[in-house]
Amino acid sequence: MSFRAGPDPNFPYLDVDCRYLFPPPEVWTDNIVAVGGNLSPGMLVSAYEQGIFPWYNPGDPVIWQSPDPRLVIFPDELHVSRSMRKILDRGDFEIAFNRDFAAVMRGCAETERPGQDGTWIDDDITDAYIEMHRLGLALSAEAYLDGELVGGCYGVRLHSAATTTHLFEGAFFGESMFSRKPNASKAAFLSLAEWLFDDGVAFIDCQVPTAHLRSLGGLEMSRRSFIALLKRVLGTD
């Protein structure tokens, strides 16, 4: 079966309240769980609710992934080093939330990353997440130095179902970050993480394990355990 590059223009556009059922975890054999579709709001929300996110290279169709293992940061595990705490307490950077979401996405797209040829954050991804931001589902944190944006991060927040009796209030799915000055992305991410946890978020999904994210408190868990946790948090179990 052949697929066209990027989102499929013939796939139905799903509004934010529409849902798409991906193949169940029982049939997943690797990190890639589905190929095709589009990046409409309902499709993206459906994916995140099921522990899936889009990640693909330019020229590829939309590829939906769910890594195994998964890296997650819980409120009690968030690690702020002494040096970073000094930076945050001194106010070395001006931190803002959602001031310039599009600029954060551009910063992430322009950042060169070891082992990657180009960026996966193309115009389709950018447009899709800007729309998610407009809908109140995607958030950004920015670090400014002398009025210039020097670092930031963005991701998706899903709230728990209205019927859930749990004390927490949803989950945050980190997508990407960038830094043009030392510690700028850390300052933005840690500030956002502390705000999210104060607001009741149960965990931050960091997706793929890296040494950098482990240093911030990320813990590995199996995909099976992550899916079960996600269902409990969102009240979809």
Protein backbone atom coordinates (compact mmCIF):
# COMPACT_ATOMS: atom_id res chain seq x y z
CA MET A 1 0.00 0.00 0.00
CA SER A 2 1.36 3.42 -0.96
CA PHE A 3 0.78 6.67 0.92
CA ARG A 4 1.17 10.26 -0.23
CA ALA A 5 3.50 12.59 1.64
CA GLY A 6 2.07 14.55 4.55
CA PRO A 7 -1.60 14.69 5.55
CA ASP A 8 -4.07 12.94 3.25
CA PRO A 9 -6.38 15.57 1.69
CA ASN A 10 -9.01 12.87 1.13
CA PHE A 11 -9.17 11.85 4.79
CA PRO A 12 -12.16 13.39 6.61
CA TYR A 13 -11.46 16.53 8.64
CA LEU A 14 -12.31 15.81 12.27
CA ASP A 15 -13.49 18.70 14.43
CA VAL A 16 -12.18 18.87 17.98
CA ASP A 17 -15.21 17.01 19.36
CA CYS A 18 -14.93 14.13 16.85
CA ARG A 19 -12.93 11.03 17.63
CA TYR A 20 -10.99 8.44 15.64
CA LEU A 21 -10.27 4.97 17.00
CA PHE A 22 -6.71 3.89 16.26
CA PRO A 23 -5.72 0.20 16.19
CA PRO A 24 -5.73 -1.12 19.79
CA PRO A 25 -2.45 -1.54 21.71
CA GLU A 26 -2.86 -5.30 21.62
CA VAL A 27 -1.87 -5.31 17.93
CA TRP A 28 1.01 -2.82 18.16
CA THR A 29 4.31 -4.56 17.35
CA ASP A 30 6.68 -1.57 17.33
CA ASN A 31 6.70 2.18 17.91
CA ILE A 32 4.74 2.90 14.71
CA VAL A 33 1.07 2.11 15.26
CA ALA A 34 -0.59 3.68 12.19
CA VAL A 35 0.17 5.51 8.94
CA GLY A 36 -1.98 8.04 7.09
CA GLY A 37 -4.85 10.34 7.98
CA ASN A 38 -4.47 14.01 8.72
CA LEU A 39 -3.63 16.47 11.49
CA SER A 40 -7.11 17.85 12.14
CA PRO A 41 -7.93 18.70 15.78
CA GLY A 42 -10.15 15.68 16.35
CA MET A 43 -7.48 13.38 14.92
CA LEU A 44 -4.76 14.84 17.15
CA VAL A 45 -6.87 14.77 20.30
CA SER A 46 -7.88 11.18 19.52
CA ALA A 47 -4.23 10.24 19.18
CA TYR A 48 -3.09 11.84 22.43
CA GLU A 49 -6.01 10.31 24.32
CA GLN A 50 -4.83 6.89 23.11
CA GLY A 51 -1.14 7.46 23.89
CA ILE A 52 -0.14 8.23 20.29
CA PHE A 53 1.39 11.26 18.57
CA PRO A 54 2.48 12.17 15.02
CA TRP A 55 6.19 11.99 14.24
CA TYR A 56 7.50 11.68 10.71
CA ASN A 57 10.12 13.06 8.32
CA PRO A 58 9.52 15.42 5.40
CA GLY A 59 8.32 13.45 2.40
CA ASP A 60 6.70 10.77 4.58
CA PRO A 61 2.99 10.32 5.15
CA VAL A 62 1.68 11.11 8.62
CA ILE A 63 3.17 8.45 10.89
CA TRP A 64 1.58 7.84 14.30
CA GLN A 65 3.91 6.61 17.03
CA SER A 66 3.78 5.34 20.60
CA PRO A 67 7.29 4.62 21.95
CA ASP A 68 8.06 1.69 24.21
CA PRO A 69 9.40 2.52 26.76
CA ARG A 70 7.90 5.94 27.48
CA LEU A 71 9.46 8.72 29.55
CA VAL A 72 7.22 10.47 32.09
CA ILE A 73 7.80 13.16 34.73
CA PHE A 74 5.59 13.04 37.84
CA PRO A 75 5.14 16.03 40.20
CA ASP A 76 7.24 14.54 42.99
CA GLU A 77 10.03 13.57 40.56
CA LEU A 78 10.58 16.91 38.81
CA HIS A 79 14.24 17.78 39.36
CA VAL A 80 15.38 21.40 39.48
CA SER A 81 19.12 21.55 40.08
CA ARG A 82 20.58 24.10 42.48
CA SER A 83 22.08 26.06 39.61
CA MET A 84 18.76 26.13 37.72
CA ARG A 85 16.88 27.14 40.87
CA LYS A 86 19.25 30.11 41.23
CA ILE A 87 18.66 31.06 37.59
CA LEU A 88 14.89 30.90 38.07
CA ASP A 89 14.93 32.72 41.42
CA ARG A 90 17.18 35.48 40.09
CA GLY A 91 14.94 35.97 37.11
CA ASP A 92 17.78 35.65 34.61
CA PHE A 93 15.11 35.08 31.96
CA GLU A 94 11.68 36.63 31.64
CA ILE A 95 9.32 33.67 31.47
CA ALA A 96 5.94 33.89 29.76
CA PHE A 97 3.28 31.40 28.79
CA ASN A 98 1.46 31.48 25.46
CA ARG A 99 2.82 34.89 24.52
CA ASP A 100 4.06 33.78 21.10
CA PHE A 101 3.19 30.16 20.38
CA ALA A 102 4.01 30.41 16.67
CA ALA A 103 7.48 31.81 17.39
CA VAL A 104 8.20 28.91 19.74
CA MET A 105 7.25 26.46 17.01
CA ARG A 106 9.52 28.28 14.55
CA GLY A 107 12.35 28.14 17.07
CA CYS A 108 11.88 24.41 17.53
CA ALA A 109 11.74 23.86 13.77
CA GLU A 110 14.96 25.82 13.16
CA THR A 111 16.99 24.02 15.82
CA GLU A 112 19.51 21.51 14.49
CA ARG A 113 19.40 18.21 16.36
CA PRO A 114 22.09 15.52 16.44
CA GLY A 115 21.26 12.55 14.23
CA GLN A 116 18.40 14.31 12.44
CA ASP A 117 18.51 15.46 8.84
CA GLY A 118 16.33 18.56 8.81
CA THR A 119 13.22 19.03 10.91
CA TRP A 120 10.00 17.10 11.32
CA ILE A 121 8.19 20.32 12.29
CA ASP A 122 7.08 21.32 8.80
CA ASP A 123 4.32 23.71 7.72
CA ASP A 124 1.63 21.04 8.17
CA ILE A 125 2.70 20.34 11.75
CA THR A 126 3.03 24.04 12.52
CA ASP A 127 -0.41 24.90 11.17
CA ALA A 128 -2.00 21.97 13.01
CA TYR A 129 -0.56 22.87 16.42
CA ILE A 130 -1.26 26.57 15.99
CA GLU A 131 -4.89 25.54 15.48
CA MET A 132 -4.68 23.37 18.61
CA HIS A 133 -3.33 26.42 20.44
CA ARG A 134 -6.23 28.52 19.16
CA LEU A 135 -8.56 25.88 20.61
CA GLY A 136 -6.82 26.08 23.99
CA LEU A 137 -5.28 22.62 23.73
CA ALA A 138 -1.65 23.45 22.94
CA LEU A 139 0.50 25.55 25.28
CA SER A 140 3.88 27.22 25.02
CA ALA A 141 6.40 28.62 27.46
CA GLU A 142 8.87 31.29 26.42
CA ALA A 143 12.16 32.52 27.85
CA TYR A 144 13.15 36.09 26.97
CA LEU A 145 16.47 37.85 27.46
CA ASP A 146 16.52 41.62 26.96
CA GLY A 147 13.21 41.33 25.15
CA GLU A 148 14.43 38.68 22.72
CA LEU A 149 12.95 35.17 22.58
CA VAL A 150 15.89 32.87 23.36
CA GLY A 151 14.20 29.61 24.29
CA GLY A 152 10.91 27.85 24.73
CA CYS A 153 8.86 24.70 24.56
CA TYR A 154 5.38 23.62 23.55
CA GLY A 155 3.01 20.71 23.96
CA VAL A 156 -0.58 19.56 24.34
CA ARG A 157 -2.67 19.52 27.51
CA LEU A 158 -5.68 17.27 27.85
CA HIS A 159 -8.04 17.62 30.79
CA SER A 160 -9.61 14.77 32.70
CA ALA A 161 -13.14 13.82 31.74
CA ALA A 162 -15.84 15.78 33.56
CA THR A 163 -17.13 12.55 35.07
CA THR A 164 -13.87 11.50 36.69
CA THR A 165 -13.62 11.60 40.49
CA HIS A 166 -9.83 11.79 40.50
CA LEU A 167 -8.03 14.70 42.14
CA PHE A 168 -5.70 15.41 39.23
CA GLU A 169 -6.53 17.51 36.22
CA GLY A 170 -5.31 15.86 33.07
CA ALA A 171 -1.90 15.37 31.50
CA PHE A 172 0.57 17.38 29.44
CA PHE A 173 2.34 15.97 26.39
CA GLY A 174 5.63 17.74 25.68
CA GLU A 175 6.41 18.06 22.00
CA SER A 176 9.63 20.03 21.48
CA MET A 177 11.89 22.71 22.90
CA PHE A 178 14.66 25.00 21.68
CA SER A 179 17.37 27.19 23.14
CA ARG A 180 19.43 30.04 21.71
CA LYS A 181 21.13 30.80 25.04
CA PRO A 182 22.41 28.37 27.67
CA ASN A 183 19.65 27.17 30.05
CA ALA A 184 16.88 29.10 28.24
CA SER A 185 14.86 26.04 27.24
CA LYS A 186 15.32 24.50 30.70
CA ALA A 187 14.08 27.70 32.35
CA ALA A 188 11.00 27.74 30.12
CA PHE A 189 10.25 24.04 30.55
CA LEU A 190 10.78 23.92 34.31
CA SER A 191 8.65 27.02 34.83
CA LEU A 192 5.87 25.49 32.75
CA ALA A 193 6.20 22.14 34.53
CA GLU A 194 5.90 23.73 37.98
CA TRP A 195 2.86 25.71 36.86
CA LEU A 196 1.22 22.61 35.34
CA PHE A 197 1.80 20.52 38.44
CA ASP A 198 0.47 23.31 40.67
CA ASP A 199 -2.61 23.30 38.43
CA GLY A 200 -3.20 19.61 39.04
CA VAL A 201 -1.61 17.91 36.01
CA ALA A 202 -0.86 14.31 36.91
CA PHE A 203 2.21 13.87 34.73
CA ILE A 204 4.18 15.26 31.80
CA ASP A 205 4.72 12.87 28.92
CA CYS A 206 8.22 13.37 27.51
CA GLN A 207 7.66 10.71 24.84
CA VAL A 208 11.11 9.34 23.90
CA PRO A 209 13.68 8.75 26.68
CA THR A 210 16.79 10.97 26.54
CA ALA A 211 19.57 11.69 29.02
CA HIS A 212 18.55 15.36 29.14
CA LEU A 213 14.95 14.57 30.08
CA ARG A 214 16.05 11.97 32.62
CA SER A 215 18.14 14.69 34.29
CA LEU A 216 14.93 16.70 34.77
CA GLY A 217 13.26 13.82 36.59
CA GLY A 218 11.96 11.68 33.74
CA LEU A 219 11.24 8.04 34.55
CA GLU A 220 10.91 5.23 32.04
CA MET A 221 7.79 3.10 32.03
CA SER A 222 6.53 0.44 29.68
CA ARG A 223 4.05 1.46 27.01
CA ARG A 224 1.48 -0.85 28.54
CA SER A 225 1.82 0.88 31.91
CA PHE A 226 1.73 4.31 30.28
CA ILE A 227 -1.51 3.55 28.41
CA ALA A 228 -3.11 2.27 31.61
CA LEU A 229 -1.98 5.39 33.52
CA LEU A 230 -3.25 7.67 30.77
CA LYS A 231 -6.68 6.05 30.78
CA ARG A 232 -6.96 6.47 34.56
CA VAL A 233 -5.86 10.10 34.46
CA LEU A 234 -8.18 11.10 31.63
CA GLY A 235 -11.07 9.04 32.97
CA THR A 236 -11.33 6.97 29.79
CA ASP A 237 -10.68 3.58 31.39
